[in-house]
Amino acid sequence: MSFSNGRPEPEVIMNFNDGFSYSKGKLDAAYLSLIEKSPAKQIVSKEAASLKKEDVDLIVNEFEISRTEAEKALLENEKDLAKTLKSLVVGQSS
């Protein structure tokens, strides 16, 4: 363990020349926050099984968003493609 100004440095994964570094604790916390969010995606995936593949593909290709985001948008708009497209266009322009 190295010391800087009399205090021990946190565990560091990598130091960069510009002075920035990543600590293991912060990296673990970020990773755990991603894991906690994954069950919500699984719920959307179960409901998304009833969506038309063509509708989801159209939204993904035209708006360049993830498949999960496209499925969520369709579900929020009652599986109506026209309504979903309008809401996405209005949402992106503001």
PDB file of N, CA and C in Angstrom:
ATOM      1  N   MET A   1       0.848  -1.169   0.000  1.00  0.00           N
ATOM      2  CA  MET A   1       0.000   0.000   0.000  1.00  0.00           C
ATOM      3  C   MET A   1       0.894   1.232   0.000  1.00  0.00           C
ATOM      4  N   SER A   2       0.650   2.141  -0.914  1.00  0.00           N
ATOM      5  CA  SER A   2       1.456   3.353  -0.977  1.00  0.00           C
ATOM      6  C   SER A   2       0.759   4.482  -0.221  1.00  0.00           C
ATOM      7  N   PHE A   3       1.545   5.453   0.186  1.00  0.00           N
ATOM      8  CA  PHE A   3       1.019   6.567   0.947  1.00  0.00           C
ATOM      9  C   PHE A   3       1.191   7.854   0.159  1.00  0.00           C
ATOM     10  N   SER A   4       0.210   8.712   0.222  1.00  0.00           N
ATOM     11  CA  SER A   4       0.239  10.014  -0.418  1.00  0.00           C
ATOM     12  C   SER A   4      -0.153  11.056   0.621  1.00  0.00           C
ATOM     13  N   ASN A   5       0.740  11.966   0.945  1.00  0.00           N
ATOM     14  CA  ASN A   5       0.491  12.993   1.964  1.00  0.00           C
ATOM     15  C   ASN A   5       0.153  12.378   3.321  1.00  0.00           C
ATOM     16  N   GLY A   6       0.767  11.245   3.649  1.00  0.00           N
ATOM     17  CA  GLY A   6       0.547  10.633   4.937  1.00  0.00           C
ATOM     18  C   GLY A   6      -0.702   9.781   5.026  1.00  0.00           C
ATOM     19  N   ARG A   7      -1.521   9.759   3.972  1.00  0.00           N
ATOM     20  CA  ARG A   7      -2.748   8.969   3.978  1.00  0.00           C
ATOM     21  C   ARG A   7      -2.618   7.836   2.973  1.00  0.00           C
ATOM     22  N   PRO A   8      -3.184   6.674   3.273  1.00  0.00           N
ATOM     23  CA  PRO A   8      -3.123   5.581   2.298  1.00  0.00           C
ATOM     24  C   PRO A   8      -4.020   5.874   1.093  1.00  0.00           C
ATOM     25  N   GLU A   9      -3.560   5.508  -0.075  1.00  0.00           N
ATOM     26  CA  GLU A   9      -4.360   5.666  -1.280  1.00  0.00           C
ATOM     27  C   GLU A   9      -5.401   4.559  -1.344  1.00  0.00           C
ATOM     28  N   PRO A  10      -6.552   4.842  -1.958  1.00  0.00           N
ATOM     29  CA  PRO A  10      -7.535   3.777  -2.116  1.00  0.00           C
ATOM     30  C   PRO A  10      -7.004   2.742  -3.101  1.00  0.00           C
ATOM     31  N   GLU A  11      -7.604   1.578  -3.071  1.00  0.00           N
ATOM     32  CA  GLU A  11      -7.190   0.539  -4.009  1.00  0.00           C
ATOM     33  C   GLU A  11      -7.499   1.023  -5.425  1.00  0.00           C
ATOM     34  N   VAL A  12      -6.499   1.046  -6.272  1.00  0.00           N
ATOM     35  CA  VAL A  12      -6.645   1.600  -7.608  1.00  0.00           C
ATOM     36  C   VAL A  12      -6.426   0.508  -8.641  1.00  0.00           C
ATOM     37  N   ILE A  13      -7.313   0.487  -9.638  1.00  0.00           N
ATOM     38  CA  ILE A  13      -7.179  -0.481 -10.708  1.00  0.00           C
ATOM     39  C   ILE A  13      -6.163   0.015 -11.727  1.00  0.00           C
ATOM     40  N   MET A  14      -6.253   1.297 -12.106  1.00  0.00           N
ATOM     41  CA  MET A  14      -5.340   1.820 -13.115  1.00  0.00           C
ATOM     42  C   MET A  14      -5.167   3.319 -12.934  1.00  0.00           C
ATOM     43  N   ASN A  15      -3.958   3.797 -12.972  1.00  0.00           N
ATOM     44  CA  ASN A  15      -3.662   5.225 -12.953  1.00  0.00           C
ATOM     45  C   ASN A  15      -3.367   5.690 -14.376  1.00  0.00           C
ATOM     46  N   PHE A  16      -3.824   6.875 -14.717  1.00  0.00           N
ATOM     47  CA  PHE A  16      -3.569   7.428 -16.030  1.00  0.00           C
ATOM     48  C   PHE A  16      -2.599   8.596 -15.917  1.00  0.00           C
ATOM     49  N   ASN A  17      -1.938   8.957 -17.016  1.00  0.00           N
ATOM     50  CA  ASN A  17      -0.952  10.034 -17.017  1.00  0.00           C
ATOM     51  C   ASN A  17      -1.558  11.388 -16.658  1.00  0.00           C
ATOM     52  N   ASP A  18      -2.834  11.592 -16.953  1.00  0.00           N
ATOM     53  CA  ASP A  18      -3.453  12.872 -16.637  1.00  0.00           C
ATOM     54  C   ASP A  18      -3.930  12.968 -15.193  1.00  0.00           C
ATOM     55  N   GLY A  19      -3.669  11.933 -14.390  1.00  0.00           N
ATOM     56  CA  GLY A  19      -3.985  11.988 -12.970  1.00  0.00           C
ATOM     57  C   GLY A  19      -5.267  11.300 -12.564  1.00  0.00           C
ATOM     58  N   PHE A  20      -6.072  10.868 -13.521  1.00  0.00           N
ATOM     59  CA  PHE A  20      -7.314  10.188 -13.196  1.00  0.00           C
ATOM     60  C   PHE A  20      -7.055   8.717 -12.912  1.00  0.00           C
ATOM     61  N   SER A  21      -7.903   8.149 -12.095  1.00  0.00           N
ATOM     62  CA  SER A  21      -7.778   6.732 -11.781  1.00  0.00           C
ATOM     63  C   SER A  21      -9.150   6.167 -11.458  1.00  0.00           C
ATOM     64  N   TYR A  22      -9.276   4.865 -11.521  1.00  0.00           N
ATOM     65  CA  TYR A  22     -10.501   4.168 -11.175  1.00  0.00           C
ATOM     66  C   TYR A  22     -10.263   3.380  -9.903  1.00  0.00           C
ATOM     67  N   SER A  23     -11.124   3.566  -8.917  1.00  0.00           N
ATOM     68  CA  SER A  23     -10.978   2.793  -7.684  1.00  0.00           C
ATOM     69  C   SER A  23     -11.921   1.596  -7.740  1.00  0.00           C
ATOM     70  N   LYS A  24     -11.515   0.529  -7.148  1.00  0.00           N
ATOM     71  CA  LYS A  24     -12.287  -0.707  -7.166  1.00  0.00           C
ATOM     72  C   LYS A  24     -13.644  -0.519  -6.498  1.00  0.00           C
ATOM     73  N   GLY A  25     -13.697   0.230  -5.419  1.00  0.00           N
ATOM     74  CA  GLY A  25     -14.962   0.442  -4.711  1.00  0.00           C
ATOM     75  C   GLY A  25     -15.995   1.152  -5.560  1.00  0.00           C
ATOM     76  N   LYS A  26     -15.562   2.189  -6.264  1.00  0.00           N
ATOM     77  CA  LYS A  26     -16.501   2.924  -7.117  1.00  0.00           C
ATOM     78  C   LYS A  26     -16.948   2.076  -8.301  1.00  0.00           C
ATOM     79  N   LEU A  27     -16.045   1.300  -8.849  1.00  0.00           N
ATOM     80  CA  LEU A  27     -16.385   0.432  -9.967  1.00  0.00           C
ATOM     81  C   LEU A  27     -17.389  -0.631  -9.534  1.00  0.00           C
ATOM     82  N   ASP A  28     -17.173  -1.207  -8.349  1.00  0.00           N
ATOM     83  CA  ASP A  28     -18.112  -2.202  -7.825  1.00  0.00           C
ATOM     84  C   ASP A  28     -19.489  -1.591  -7.592  1.00  0.00           C
ATOM     85  N   ALA A  29     -19.536  -0.374  -7.057  1.00  0.00           N
ATOM     86  CA  ALA A  29     -20.811   0.291  -6.800  1.00  0.00           C
ATOM     87  C   ALA A  29     -21.563   0.547  -8.100  1.00  0.00           C
ATOM     88  N   ALA A  30     -20.846   0.964  -9.135  1.00  0.00           N
ATOM     89  CA  ALA A  30     -21.479   1.197 -10.430  1.00  0.00           C
ATOM     90  C   ALA A  30     -22.018  -0.102 -11.019  1.00  0.00           C
ATOM     91  N   TYR A  31     -21.254  -1.165 -10.887  1.00  0.00           N
ATOM     92  CA  TYR A  31     -21.671  -2.470 -11.392  1.00  0.00           C
ATOM     93  C   TYR A  31     -22.914  -2.963 -10.658  1.00  0.00           C
ATOM     94  N   LEU A  32     -22.934  -2.821  -9.347  1.00  0.00           N
ATOM     95  CA  LEU A  32     -24.084  -3.275  -8.571  1.00  0.00           C
ATOM     96  C   LEU A  32     -25.334  -2.480  -8.904  1.00  0.00           C
ATOM     97  N   SER A  33     -25.189  -1.194  -9.192  1.00  0.00           N
ATOM     98  CA  SER A  33     -26.366  -0.398  -9.557  1.00  0.00           C
ATOM     99  C   SER A  33     -26.960  -0.872 -10.882  1.00  0.00           C
ATOM    100  N   LEU A  34     -26.117  -1.356 -11.788  1.00  0.00           N
ATOM    101  CA  LEU A  34     -26.621  -1.902 -13.044  1.00  0.00           C
ATOM    102  C   LEU A  34     -27.352  -3.223 -12.830  1.00  0.00           C
ATOM    103  N   ILE A  35     -26.835  -4.040 -11.940  1.00  0.00           N
ATOM    104  CA  ILE A  35     -27.463  -5.327 -11.654  1.00  0.00           C
ATOM    105  C   ILE A  35     -28.834  -5.124 -11.033  1.00  0.00           C
ATOM    106  N   GLU A  36     -28.970  -4.133 -10.166  1.00  0.00           N
ATOM    107  CA  GLU A  36     -30.244  -3.873  -9.507  1.00  0.00           C
ATOM    108  C   GLU A  36     -31.309  -3.431 -10.490  1.00  0.00           C
ATOM    109  N   LYS A  37     -30.933  -2.805 -11.589  1.00  0.00           N
ATOM    110  CA  LYS A  37     -31.896  -2.319 -12.573  1.00  0.00           C
ATOM    111  C   LYS A  37     -32.349  -3.408 -13.539  1.00  0.00           C
ATOM    112  N   SER A  38     -31.666  -4.525 -13.600  1.00  0.00           N
ATOM    113  CA  SER A  38     -31.984  -5.543 -14.591  1.00  0.00           C
ATOM    114  C   SER A  38     -33.341  -6.217 -14.416  1.00  0.00           C
ATOM    115  N   PRO A  39     -33.913  -6.403 -13.214  1.00  0.00           N
ATOM    116  CA  PRO A  39     -35.232  -7.030 -13.129  1.00  0.00           C
ATOM    117  C   PRO A  39     -36.318  -6.247 -13.849  1.00  0.00           C
ATOM    118  N   ALA A  40     -36.227  -4.920 -13.882  1.00  0.00           N
ATOM    119  CA  ALA A  40     -37.212  -4.119 -14.596  1.00  0.00           C
ATOM    120  C   ALA A  40     -37.176  -4.435 -16.085  1.00  0.00           C
ATOM    121  N   LYS A  41     -35.988  -4.659 -16.622  1.00  0.00           N
ATOM    122  CA  LYS A  41     -35.869  -5.002 -18.027  1.00  0.00           C
ATOM    123  C   LYS A  41     -36.484  -6.365 -18.301  1.00  0.00           C
ATOM    124  N   GLN A  42     -36.377  -7.284 -17.368  1.00  0.00           N
ATOM    125  CA  GLN A  42     -36.949  -8.608 -17.553  1.00  0.00           C
ATOM    126  C   GLN A  42     -38.463  -8.534 -17.571  1.00  0.00           C
ATOM    127  N   ILE A  43     -39.063  -7.673 -16.756  1.00  0.00           N
ATOM    128  CA  ILE A  43     -40.512  -7.519 -16.755  1.00  0.00           C
ATOM    129  C   ILE A  43     -40.969  -6.978 -18.099  1.00  0.00           C
ATOM    130  N   VAL A  44     -40.273  -5.977 -18.618  1.00  0.00           N
ATOM    131  CA  VAL A  44     -40.616  -5.430 -19.932  1.00  0.00           C
ATOM    132  C   VAL A  44     -40.488  -6.520 -20.996  1.00  0.00           C
ATOM    133  N   SER A  45     -39.474  -7.363 -20.900  1.00  0.00           N
ATOM    134  CA  SER A  45     -39.265  -8.408 -21.893  1.00  0.00           C
ATOM    135  C   SER A  45     -40.411  -9.411 -21.907  1.00  0.00           C
ATOM    136  N   LYS A  46     -40.957  -9.745 -20.736  1.00  0.00           N
ATOM    137  CA  LYS A  46     -42.080 -10.678 -20.673  1.00  0.00           C
ATOM    138  C   LYS A  46     -43.314 -10.097 -21.340  1.00  0.00           C
ATOM    139  N   GLU A  47     -43.595  -8.821 -21.080  1.00  0.00           N
ATOM    140  CA  GLU A  47     -44.739  -8.160 -21.701  1.00  0.00           C
ATOM    141  C   GLU A  47     -44.494  -7.925 -23.184  1.00  0.00           C
ATOM    142  N   ALA A  48     -43.237  -7.729 -23.546  1.00  0.00           N
ATOM    143  CA  ALA A  48     -42.877  -7.429 -24.927  1.00  0.00           C
ATOM    144  C   ALA A  48     -43.018  -8.634 -25.844  1.00  0.00           C
ATOM    145  N   ALA A  49     -43.177  -9.794 -25.291  1.00  0.00           N
ATOM    146  CA  ALA A  49     -43.331 -10.993 -26.118  1.00  0.00           C
ATOM    147  C   ALA A  49     -44.570 -10.907 -26.998  1.00  0.00           C
ATOM    148  N   SER A  50     -45.565 -10.119 -26.572  1.00  0.00           N
ATOM    149  CA  SER A  50     -46.800  -9.997 -27.352  1.00  0.00           C
ATOM    150  C   SER A  50     -46.713  -8.908 -28.421  1.00  0.00           C
ATOM    151  N   LEU A  51     -45.594  -8.177 -28.498  1.00  0.00           N
ATOM    152  CA  LEU A  51     -45.442  -7.111 -29.493  1.00  0.00           C
ATOM    153  C   LEU A  51     -45.070  -7.695 -30.858  1.00  0.00           C
ATOM    154  N   LYS A  52     -45.458  -6.971 -31.899  1.00  0.00           N
ATOM    155  CA  LYS A  52     -45.083  -7.395 -33.247  1.00  0.00           C
ATOM    156  C   LYS A  52     -43.607  -7.104 -33.478  1.00  0.00           C
ATOM    157  N   LYS A  53     -42.899  -8.092 -33.990  1.00  0.00           N
ATOM    158  CA  LYS A  53     -41.463  -7.948 -34.240  1.00  0.00           C
ATOM    159  C   LYS A  53     -41.191  -6.838 -35.254  1.00  0.00           C
ATOM    160  N   GLU A  54     -42.045  -6.717 -36.263  1.00  0.00           N
ATOM    161  CA  GLU A  54     -41.860  -5.701 -37.295  1.00  0.00           C
ATOM    162  C   GLU A  54     -41.959  -4.295 -36.718  1.00  0.00           C
ATOM    163  N   ASP A  55     -42.891  -4.095 -35.770  1.00  0.00           N
ATOM    164  CA  ASP A  55     -43.050  -2.775 -35.158  1.00  0.00           C
ATOM    165  C   ASP A  55     -41.806  -2.397 -34.357  1.00  0.00           C
ATOM    166  N   VAL A  56     -41.312  -3.352 -33.575  1.00  0.00           N
ATOM    167  CA  VAL A  56     -40.129  -3.094 -32.758  1.00  0.00           C
ATOM    168  C   VAL A  56     -38.922  -2.828 -33.654  1.00  0.00           C
ATOM    169  N   ASP A  57     -38.754  -3.627 -34.707  1.00  0.00           N
ATOM    170  CA  ASP A  57     -37.625  -3.440 -35.627  1.00  0.00           C
ATOM    171  C   ASP A  57     -37.672  -2.070 -36.301  1.00  0.00           C
ATOM    172  N   LEU A  58     -38.860  -1.631 -36.693  1.00  0.00           N
ATOM    173  CA  LEU A  58     -39.013  -0.327 -37.327  1.00  0.00           C
ATOM    174  C   LEU A  58     -38.558   0.790 -36.388  1.00  0.00           C
ATOM    175  N   ILE A  59     -38.989   0.736 -35.151  1.00  0.00           N
ATOM    176  CA  ILE A  59     -38.627   1.771 -34.183  1.00  0.00           C
ATOM    177  C   ILE A  59     -37.125   1.749 -33.897  1.00  0.00           C
ATOM    178  N   VAL A  60     -36.572   0.552 -33.729  1.00  0.00           N
ATOM    179  CA  VAL A  60     -35.141   0.431 -33.458  1.00  0.00           C
ATOM    180  C   VAL A  60     -34.328   1.007 -34.603  1.00  0.00           C
ATOM    181  N   ASN A  61     -34.693   0.689 -35.838  1.00  0.00           N
ATOM    182  CA  ASN A  61     -33.930   1.157 -37.002  1.00  0.00           C
ATOM    183  C   ASN A  61     -34.102   2.645 -37.277  1.00  0.00           C
ATOM    184  N   GLU A  62     -35.306   3.149 -37.137  1.00  0.00           N
ATOM    185  CA  GLU A  62     -35.558   4.544 -37.468  1.00  0.00           C
ATOM    186  C   GLU A  62     -35.071   5.522 -36.405  1.00  0.00           C
ATOM    187  N   PHE A  63     -35.197   5.142 -35.140  1.00  0.00           N
ATOM    188  CA  PHE A  63     -34.832   6.058 -34.068  1.00  0.00           C
ATOM    189  C   PHE A  63     -33.475   5.741 -33.456  1.00  0.00           C
ATOM    190  N   GLU A  64     -32.867   4.641 -33.905  1.00  0.00           N
ATOM    191  CA  GLU A  64     -31.556   4.219 -33.419  1.00  0.00           C
ATOM    192  C   GLU A  64     -31.523   4.161 -31.891  1.00  0.00           C
ATOM    193  N   ILE A  65     -32.517   3.460 -31.337  1.00  0.00           N
ATOM    194  CA  ILE A  65     -32.572   3.235 -29.897  1.00  0.00           C
ATOM    195  C   ILE A  65     -32.487   1.736 -29.649  1.00  0.00           C
ATOM    196  N   SER A  66     -32.285   1.365 -28.413  1.00  0.00           N
ATOM    197  CA  SER A  66     -32.161  -0.062 -28.093  1.00  0.00           C
ATOM    198  C   SER A  66     -33.512  -0.754 -28.227  1.00  0.00           C
ATOM    199  N   ARG A  67     -33.456  -2.044 -28.369  1.00  0.00           N
ATOM    200  CA  ARG A  67     -34.662  -2.848 -28.505  1.00  0.00           C
ATOM    201  C   ARG A  67     -35.541  -2.716 -27.252  1.00  0.00           C
ATOM    202  N   THR A  68     -34.910  -2.673 -26.091  1.00  0.00           N
ATOM    203  CA  THR A  68     -35.659  -2.544 -24.831  1.00  0.00           C
ATOM    204  C   THR A  68     -36.400  -1.217 -24.773  1.00  0.00           C
ATOM    205  N   GLU A  69     -35.738  -0.143 -25.200  1.00  0.00           N
ATOM    206  CA  GLU A  69     -36.383   1.172 -25.211  1.00  0.00           C
ATOM    207  C   GLU A  69     -37.550   1.198 -26.194  1.00  0.00           C
ATOM    208  N   ALA A  70     -37.385   0.555 -27.341  1.00  0.00           N
ATOM    209  CA  ALA A  70     -38.460   0.505 -28.331  1.00  0.00           C
ATOM    210  C   ALA A  70     -39.653  -0.281 -27.793  1.00  0.00           C
ATOM    211  N   GLU A  71     -39.390  -1.400 -27.147  1.00  0.00           N
ATOM    212  CA  GLU A  71     -40.468  -2.208 -26.572  1.00  0.00           C
ATOM    213  C   GLU A  71     -41.192  -1.432 -25.477  1.00  0.00           C
ATOM    214  N   LYS A  72     -40.437  -0.725 -24.654  1.00  0.00           N
ATOM    215  CA  LYS A  72     -41.037   0.065 -23.584  1.00  0.00           C
ATOM    216  C   LYS A  72     -41.934   1.166 -24.161  1.00  0.00           C
ATOM    217  N   ALA A  73     -41.454   1.831 -25.208  1.00  0.00           N
ATOM    218  CA  ALA A  73     -42.247   2.887 -25.843  1.00  0.00           C
ATOM    219  C   ALA A  73     -43.544   2.332 -26.418  1.00  0.00           C
ATOM    220  N   LEU A  74     -43.479   1.171 -27.061  1.00  0.00           N
ATOM    221  CA  LEU A  74     -44.691   0.550 -27.602  1.00  0.00           C
ATOM    222  C   LEU A  74     -45.663   0.180 -26.496  1.00  0.00           C
ATOM    223  N   LEU A  75     -45.165  -0.363 -25.416  1.00  0.00           N
ATOM    224  CA  LEU A  75     -46.041  -0.740 -24.306  1.00  0.00           C
ATOM    225  C   LEU A  75     -46.682   0.482 -23.659  1.00  0.00           C
ATOM    226  N   GLU A  76     -45.941   1.575 -23.563  1.00  0.00           N
ATOM    227  CA  GLU A  76     -46.491   2.804 -22.991  1.00  0.00           C
ATOM    228  C   GLU A  76     -47.583   3.400 -23.863  1.00  0.00           C
ATOM    229  N   ASN A  77     -47.558   3.099 -25.156  1.00  0.00           N
ATOM    230  CA  ASN A  77     -48.538   3.640 -26.100  1.00  0.00           C
ATOM    231  C   ASN A  77     -49.531   2.578 -26.566  1.00  0.00           C
ATOM    232  N   GLU A  78     -49.829   1.642 -25.693  1.00  0.00           N
ATOM    233  CA  GLU A  78     -50.870   0.628 -25.921  1.00  0.00           C
ATOM    234  C   GLU A  78     -50.628  -0.196 -27.181  1.00  0.00           C
ATOM    235  N   LYS A  79     -49.388  -0.463 -27.500  1.00  0.00           N
ATOM    236  CA  LYS A  79     -48.971  -1.276 -28.651  1.00  0.00           C
ATOM    237  C   LYS A  79     -49.405  -0.693 -29.992  1.00  0.00           C
ATOM    238  N   ASP A  80     -49.704   0.595 -30.013  1.00  0.00           N
ATOM    239  CA  ASP A  80     -50.114   1.287 -31.235  1.00  0.00           C
ATOM    240  C   ASP A  80     -48.879   1.919 -31.874  1.00  0.00           C
ATOM    241  N   LEU A  81     -48.532   1.450 -33.081  1.00  0.00           N
ATOM    242  CA  LEU A  81     -47.310   1.908 -33.738  1.00  0.00           C
ATOM    243  C   LEU A  81     -47.363   3.394 -34.073  1.00  0.00           C
ATOM    244  N   ALA A  82     -48.470   3.859 -34.644  1.00  0.00           N
ATOM    245  CA  ALA A  82     -48.580   5.265 -35.028  1.00  0.00           C
ATOM    246  C   ALA A  82     -48.462   6.179 -33.806  1.00  0.00           C
ATOM    247  N   LYS A  83     -49.133   5.822 -32.740  1.00  0.00           N
ATOM    248  CA  LYS A  83     -49.088   6.614 -31.505  1.00  0.00           C
ATOM    249  C   LYS A  83     -47.669   6.624 -30.924  1.00  0.00           C
ATOM    250  N   THR A  84     -46.985   5.482 -30.996  1.00  0.00           N
ATOM    251  CA  THR A  84     -45.613   5.378 -30.493  1.00  0.00           C
ATOM    252  C   THR A  84     -44.670   6.246 -31.309  1.00  0.00           C
ATOM    253  N   LEU A  85     -44.792   6.186 -32.632  1.00  0.00           N
ATOM    254  CA  LEU A  85     -43.938   6.997 -33.499  1.00  0.00           C
ATOM    255  C   LEU A  85     -44.136   8.483 -33.224  1.00  0.00           C
ATOM    256  N   LYS A  86     -45.387   8.905 -33.068  1.00  0.00           N
ATOM    257  CA  LYS A  86     -45.666  10.318 -32.775  1.00  0.00           C
ATOM    258  C   LYS A  86     -45.048  10.727 -31.445  1.00  0.00           C
ATOM    259  N   SER A  87     -45.179   9.871 -30.430  1.00  0.00           N
ATOM    260  CA  SER A  87     -44.637  10.236 -29.112  1.00  0.00           C
ATOM    261  C   SER A  87     -43.106  10.293 -29.143  1.00  0.00           C
ATOM    262  N   LEU A  88     -42.466   9.429 -29.904  1.00  0.00           N
ATOM    263  CA  LEU A  88     -41.018   9.455 -30.002  1.00  0.00           C
ATOM    264  C   LEU A  88     -40.514  10.681 -30.756  1.00  0.00           C
ATOM    265  N   VAL A  89     -41.237  11.078 -31.804  1.00  0.00           N
ATOM    266  CA  VAL A  89     -40.847  12.264 -32.577  1.00  0.00           C
ATOM    267  C   VAL A  89     -40.991  13.511 -31.706  1.00  0.00           C
ATOM    268  N   VAL A  90     -42.091  13.638 -31.002  1.00  0.00           N
ATOM    269  CA  VAL A  90     -42.317  14.787 -30.142  1.00  0.00           C
ATOM    270  C   VAL A  90     -41.306  14.800 -28.999  1.00  0.00           C
ATOM    271  N   GLY A  91     -41.003  13.627 -28.451  1.00  0.00           N
ATOM    272  CA  GLY A  91     -40.045  13.520 -27.344  1.00  0.00           C
ATOM    273  C   GLY A  91     -38.637  13.896 -27.752  1.00  0.00           C
ATOM    274  N   GLN A  92     -38.233  13.600 -28.997  1.00  0.00           N
ATOM    275  CA  GLN A  92     -36.882  13.898 -29.438  1.00  0.00           C
ATOM    276  C   GLN A  92     -36.714  15.352 -29.857  1.00  0.00           C
ATOM    277  N   SER A  93     -37.785  15.994 -30.280  1.00  0.00           N
ATOM    278  CA  SER A  93     -37.650  17.368 -30.759  1.00  0.00           C
ATOM    279  C   SER A  93     -37.596  18.374 -29.618  1.00  0.00           C
ATOM    280  N   SER A  94     -38.081  18.002 -28.429  1.00  0.00           N
ATOM    281  CA  SER A  94     -38.077  18.955 -27.323  1.00  0.00           C
ATOM    282  C   SER A  94     -36.848  18.877 -26.476  1.00  0.00           C
TER     283      SER A  94
END
